[in-house]
Amino acid sequence: MRTVFWVAFWVFLLDQATKYLVVHMLDLRRLGAMEVWPPFLNLRMAWNTGINFGMLADHGALLRWVLIAVALVISAAVLWWVHAERAGRWHRIAAGVLVGGALGNVIDRLIYGAVADFLNMSCCGINNPFAFNVADVAIFAGAFGMVLLPGGKKPS
């Protein structure tokens, strides 16, 4: 479980540090957008009160608390699974990545009332209107890893 904790800690810290840098130090809240490496990477401020890509964003304050609860329950379930199954090293790392990302977005919802999304990537003539953050990438990568990486137990 130590591996899960430390991976989650560093992912959470990276997520929160990038959000602090972009939202507060670069003042993207006020600026709204910054070109970094157009069109491939831009910073575009988006406050996501809903789920993926802003879906259900108009469901009010109750949804905020439901999403916080869901993220905490899923994080607890992942931690329980990793502990109960005596998961292998790669699954522990993936679980830490997922939990660190989930907790990063929970903190955003607690502090700001919404998730701070700011990374925007486009390519090849496709203009992507959506933004995401480090926590979103971590949640996806952690879930992907838990499903596809080899487990720790040998088949009996």
C-alpha atoms as a PDB file:
ATOM      1  CA  MET A   1       0.000   0.000   0.000  1.00  0.00           C
ATOM      2  CA  ARG A   2       2.983   2.254   0.430  1.00  0.00           C
ATOM      3  CA  THR A   3       3.465   2.304  -3.343  1.00  0.00           C
ATOM      4  CA  VAL A   4      -0.159   3.336  -3.887  1.00  0.00           C
ATOM      5  CA  PHE A   5       0.160   6.115  -1.306  1.00  0.00           C
ATOM      6  CA  TRP A   6       3.359   7.608  -2.726  1.00  0.00           C
ATOM      7  CA  VAL A   7       2.243   7.422  -6.344  1.00  0.00           C
ATOM      8  CA  ALA A   8      -1.101   9.013  -5.409  1.00  0.00           C
ATOM      9  CA  PHE A   9       0.709  11.682  -3.381  1.00  0.00           C
ATOM     10  CA  TRP A  10       3.007  12.712  -6.256  1.00  0.00           C
ATOM     11  CA  VAL A  11       0.229  12.655  -8.860  1.00  0.00           C
ATOM     12  CA  PHE A  12      -1.991  14.737  -6.555  1.00  0.00           C
ATOM     13  CA  LEU A  13       0.860  17.188  -5.907  1.00  0.00           C
ATOM     14  CA  LEU A  14       1.667  17.532  -9.623  1.00  0.00           C
ATOM     15  CA  ASP A  15      -2.007  18.118 -10.422  1.00  0.00           C
ATOM     16  CA  GLN A  16      -2.479  20.748  -7.744  1.00  0.00           C
ATOM     17  CA  ALA A  17       0.839  22.463  -8.552  1.00  0.00           C
ATOM     18  CA  THR A  18      -0.051  22.776 -12.242  1.00  0.00           C
ATOM     19  CA  LYS A  19      -3.503  24.110 -11.371  1.00  0.00           C
ATOM     20  CA  TYR A  20      -2.037  26.658  -8.959  1.00  0.00           C
ATOM     21  CA  LEU A  21       0.513  27.749 -11.554  1.00  0.00           C
ATOM     22  CA  VAL A  22      -2.011  28.136 -14.338  1.00  0.00           C
ATOM     23  CA  VAL A  23      -4.998  29.512 -12.415  1.00  0.00           C
ATOM     24  CA  HIS A  24      -3.207  31.797  -9.969  1.00  0.00           C
ATOM     25  CA  MET A  25       0.340  32.548 -11.134  1.00  0.00           C
ATOM     26  CA  LEU A  26      -0.387  32.799 -14.866  1.00  0.00           C
ATOM     27  CA  ASP A  27      -3.818  34.241 -14.018  1.00  0.00           C
ATOM     28  CA  LEU A  28      -5.607  32.154 -16.619  1.00  0.00           C
ATOM     29  CA  ARG A  29      -8.851  32.839 -14.718  1.00  0.00           C
ATOM     30  CA  ARG A  30      -8.699  36.399 -15.979  1.00  0.00           C
ATOM     31  CA  LEU A  31      -6.918  35.856 -19.301  1.00  0.00           C
ATOM     32  CA  GLY A  32      -9.071  32.930 -20.403  1.00  0.00           C
ATOM     33  CA  ALA A  33      -6.559  31.526 -22.887  1.00  0.00           C
ATOM     34  CA  MET A  34      -2.861  31.428 -23.753  1.00  0.00           C
ATOM     35  CA  GLU A  35      -1.188  29.936 -26.777  1.00  0.00           C
ATOM     36  CA  VAL A  36       1.715  27.688 -25.844  1.00  0.00           C
ATOM     37  CA  TRP A  37       2.420  25.656 -28.983  1.00  0.00           C
ATOM     38  CA  PRO A  38      -0.457  26.335 -31.349  1.00  0.00           C
ATOM     39  CA  PRO A  39      -2.423  24.422 -32.440  1.00  0.00           C
ATOM     40  CA  PHE A  40      -1.057  21.432 -30.556  1.00  0.00           C
ATOM     41  CA  LEU A  41      -1.079  22.798 -27.001  1.00  0.00           C
ATOM     42  CA  ASN A  42      -2.945  25.793 -25.643  1.00  0.00           C
ATOM     43  CA  LEU A  43      -4.092  26.811 -22.202  1.00  0.00           C
ATOM     44  CA  ARG A  44      -7.825  27.504 -22.089  1.00  0.00           C
ATOM     45  CA  MET A  45      -9.522  28.059 -18.756  1.00  0.00           C
ATOM     46  CA  ALA A  46     -12.657  26.015 -18.235  1.00  0.00           C
ATOM     47  CA  TRP A  47     -14.474  25.488 -14.951  1.00  0.00           C
ATOM     48  CA  ASN A  48     -16.129  22.096 -15.190  1.00  0.00           C
ATOM     49  CA  THR A  49     -19.088  21.738 -12.816  1.00  0.00           C
ATOM     50  CA  GLY A  50     -20.238  18.524 -14.487  1.00  0.00           C
ATOM     51  CA  ILE A  51     -18.641  15.259 -15.486  1.00  0.00           C
ATOM     52  CA  ASN A  52     -16.533  14.507 -18.570  1.00  0.00           C
ATOM     53  CA  PHE A  53     -16.557  17.297 -21.148  1.00  0.00           C
ATOM     54  CA  GLY A  54     -18.965  19.321 -18.999  1.00  0.00           C
ATOM     55  CA  MET A  55     -21.884  16.902 -19.327  1.00  0.00           C
ATOM     56  CA  LEU A  56     -24.559  17.464 -16.648  1.00  0.00           C
ATOM     57  CA  ALA A  57     -22.989  20.846 -15.837  1.00  0.00           C
ATOM     58  CA  ASP A  58     -26.375  22.499 -15.406  1.00  0.00           C
ATOM     59  CA  HIS A  59     -27.527  20.254 -12.563  1.00  0.00           C
ATOM     60  CA  GLY A  60     -26.563  22.649  -9.757  1.00  0.00           C
ATOM     61  CA  ALA A  61     -24.859  22.390  -6.400  1.00  0.00           C
ATOM     62  CA  LEU A  62     -26.208  18.955  -5.537  1.00  0.00           C
ATOM     63  CA  LEU A  63     -24.256  17.433  -8.441  1.00  0.00           C
ATOM     64  CA  ARG A  64     -21.042  18.882  -6.986  1.00  0.00           C
ATOM     65  CA  TRP A  65     -21.503  16.907  -3.778  1.00  0.00           C
ATOM     66  CA  VAL A  66     -22.636  13.786  -5.618  1.00  0.00           C
ATOM     67  CA  LEU A  67     -19.493  13.888  -7.781  1.00  0.00           C
ATOM     68  CA  ILE A  68     -17.286  14.404  -4.720  1.00  0.00           C
ATOM     69  CA  ALA A  69     -18.940  11.409  -3.035  1.00  0.00           C
ATOM     70  CA  VAL A  70     -18.640   9.236  -6.153  1.00  0.00           C
ATOM     71  CA  ALA A  71     -14.936  10.072  -6.532  1.00  0.00           C
ATOM     72  CA  LEU A  72     -14.278   9.258  -2.869  1.00  0.00           C
ATOM     73  CA  VAL A  73     -16.237   5.987  -3.028  1.00  0.00           C
ATOM     74  CA  ILE A  74     -14.423   4.902  -6.197  1.00  0.00           C
ATOM     75  CA  SER A  75     -11.061   5.824  -4.659  1.00  0.00           C
ATOM     76  CA  ALA A  76     -11.892   3.812  -1.533  1.00  0.00           C
ATOM     77  CA  ALA A  77     -13.039   0.862  -3.648  1.00  0.00           C
ATOM     78  CA  VAL A  78      -9.805   0.921  -5.660  1.00  0.00           C
ATOM     79  CA  LEU A  79      -7.747   1.025  -2.457  1.00  0.00           C
ATOM     80  CA  TRP A  80      -9.773  -1.829  -0.975  1.00  0.00           C
ATOM     81  CA  TRP A  81      -9.366  -3.891  -4.155  1.00  0.00           C
ATOM     82  CA  VAL A  82      -5.597  -3.332  -4.294  1.00  0.00           C
ATOM     83  CA  HIS A  83      -5.281  -4.368  -0.651  1.00  0.00           C
ATOM     84  CA  ALA A  84      -7.698  -7.323  -0.769  1.00  0.00           C
ATOM     85  CA  GLU A  85      -6.311  -8.785  -3.988  1.00  0.00           C
ATOM     86  CA  ARG A  86      -2.689  -8.208  -3.023  1.00  0.00           C
ATOM     87  CA  ALA A  87      -2.278  -6.554  -6.387  1.00  0.00           C
ATOM     88  CA  GLY A  88       1.008  -6.623  -8.224  1.00  0.00           C
ATOM     89  CA  ARG A  89       3.390  -3.712  -8.553  1.00  0.00           C
ATOM     90  CA  TRP A  90       1.921  -2.351 -11.805  1.00  0.00           C
ATOM     91  CA  HIS A  91      -1.618  -2.451 -10.473  1.00  0.00           C
ATOM     92  CA  ARG A  92      -0.519  -0.639  -7.303  1.00  0.00           C
ATOM     93  CA  ILE A  93       1.130   2.056  -9.423  1.00  0.00           C
ATOM     94  CA  ALA A  94      -1.957   2.359 -11.649  1.00  0.00           C
ATOM     95  CA  ALA A  95      -4.200   2.529  -8.570  1.00  0.00           C
ATOM     96  CA  GLY A  96      -2.050   5.309  -7.125  1.00  0.00           C
ATOM     97  CA  VAL A  97      -2.222   7.262 -10.378  1.00  0.00           C
ATOM     98  CA  LEU A  98      -6.029   6.900 -10.484  1.00  0.00           C
ATOM     99  CA  VAL A  99      -6.558   7.805  -6.821  1.00  0.00           C
ATOM    100  CA  GLY A 100      -4.167  10.780  -6.984  1.00  0.00           C
ATOM    101  CA  GLY A 101      -6.053  12.156  -9.981  1.00  0.00           C
ATOM    102  CA  ALA A 102      -9.458  11.575  -8.431  1.00  0.00           C
ATOM    103  CA  LEU A 103      -8.453  13.334  -5.208  1.00  0.00           C
ATOM    104  CA  GLY A 104      -7.005  16.234  -7.213  1.00  0.00           C
ATOM    105  CA  ASN A 105     -10.390  16.845  -8.823  1.00  0.00           C
ATOM    106  CA  VAL A 106     -12.170  16.392  -5.465  1.00  0.00           C
ATOM    107  CA  ILE A 107     -10.051  19.185  -3.984  1.00  0.00           C
ATOM    108  CA  ASP A 108     -10.961  21.437  -6.921  1.00  0.00           C
ATOM    109  CA  ARG A 109     -14.673  20.825  -6.344  1.00  0.00           C
ATOM    110  CA  LEU A 110     -14.251  21.580  -2.629  1.00  0.00           C
ATOM    111  CA  ILE A 111     -12.192  24.753  -3.116  1.00  0.00           C
ATOM    112  CA  TYR A 112     -13.588  26.216  -6.351  1.00  0.00           C
ATOM    113  CA  GLY A 113     -16.941  24.463  -6.694  1.00  0.00           C
ATOM    114  CA  ALA A 114     -15.757  23.130 -10.080  1.00  0.00           C
ATOM    115  CA  VAL A 115     -12.795  21.330 -11.612  1.00  0.00           C
ATOM    116  CA  ALA A 116     -10.144  23.621 -13.084  1.00  0.00           C
ATOM    117  CA  ASP A 117      -9.493  22.409 -16.639  1.00  0.00           C
ATOM    118  CA  PHE A 118      -6.906  24.234 -18.730  1.00  0.00           C
ATOM    119  CA  LEU A 119      -5.085  21.954 -21.182  1.00  0.00           C
ATOM    120  CA  ASN A 120      -6.385  22.121 -24.734  1.00  0.00           C
ATOM    121  CA  MET A 121      -4.875  20.097 -27.557  1.00  0.00           C
ATOM    122  CA  SER A 122      -5.750  20.163 -31.239  1.00  0.00           C
ATOM    123  CA  CYS A 123      -4.169  18.704 -34.315  1.00  0.00           C
ATOM    124  CA  CYS A 124      -4.464  18.129 -37.984  1.00  0.00           C
ATOM    125  CA  GLY A 125      -7.225  20.645 -38.717  1.00  0.00           C
ATOM    126  CA  ILE A 126      -9.410  19.453 -35.843  1.00  0.00           C
ATOM    127  CA  ASN A 127     -10.195  22.246 -33.384  1.00  0.00           C
ATOM    128  CA  ASN A 128     -10.793  20.589 -30.017  1.00  0.00           C
ATOM    129  CA  PRO A 129     -13.177  22.742 -27.937  1.00  0.00           C
ATOM    130  CA  PHE A 130     -12.570  20.803 -24.704  1.00  0.00           C
ATOM    131  CA  ALA A 131     -10.032  21.306 -21.936  1.00  0.00           C
ATOM    132  CA  PHE A 132      -8.697  18.870 -19.358  1.00  0.00           C
ATOM    133  CA  ASN A 133      -6.116  18.765 -16.579  1.00  0.00           C
ATOM    134  CA  VAL A 134      -3.377  16.551 -15.129  1.00  0.00           C
ATOM    135  CA  ALA A 135      -5.885  14.792 -12.844  1.00  0.00           C
ATOM    136  CA  ASP A 136      -8.060  13.857 -15.814  1.00  0.00           C
ATOM    137  CA  VAL A 137      -5.065  12.300 -17.573  1.00  0.00           C
ATOM    138  CA  ALA A 138      -4.128  10.462 -14.370  1.00  0.00           C
ATOM    139  CA  ILE A 139      -7.636   9.066 -13.874  1.00  0.00           C
ATOM    140  CA  PHE A 140      -7.705   7.786 -17.447  1.00  0.00           C
ATOM    141  CA  ALA A 141      -4.155   6.375 -17.307  1.00  0.00           C
ATOM    142  CA  GLY A 142      -4.748   4.751 -13.907  1.00  0.00           C
ATOM    143  CA  ALA A 143      -7.993   3.090 -14.982  1.00  0.00           C
ATOM    144  CA  PHE A 144      -6.377   1.992 -18.252  1.00  0.00           C
ATOM    145  CA  GLY A 145      -3.428   0.538 -16.336  1.00  0.00           C
ATOM    146  CA  MET A 146      -5.581  -1.310 -13.835  1.00  0.00           C
ATOM    147  CA  VAL A 147      -7.500  -2.978 -16.658  1.00  0.00           C
ATOM    148  CA  LEU A 148      -4.679  -3.737 -19.085  1.00  0.00           C
ATOM    149  CA  LEU A 149      -1.464  -4.139 -17.108  1.00  0.00           C
ATOM    150  CA  PRO A 150      -0.482  -7.608 -15.926  1.00  0.00           C
ATOM    151  CA  GLY A 151      -1.698  -8.555 -12.470  1.00  0.00           C
ATOM    152  CA  GLY A 152       0.413  -9.769  -9.584  1.00  0.00           C
ATOM    153  CA  LYS A 153      -1.172 -13.187  -9.144  1.00  0.00           C
ATOM    154  CA  LYS A 154      -0.326 -16.180 -11.264  1.00  0.00           C
ATOM    155  CA  PRO A 155      -3.264 -18.212 -12.609  1.00  0.00           C
ATOM    156  CA  SER A 156      -3.881 -21.362 -10.588  1.00  0.00           C
END
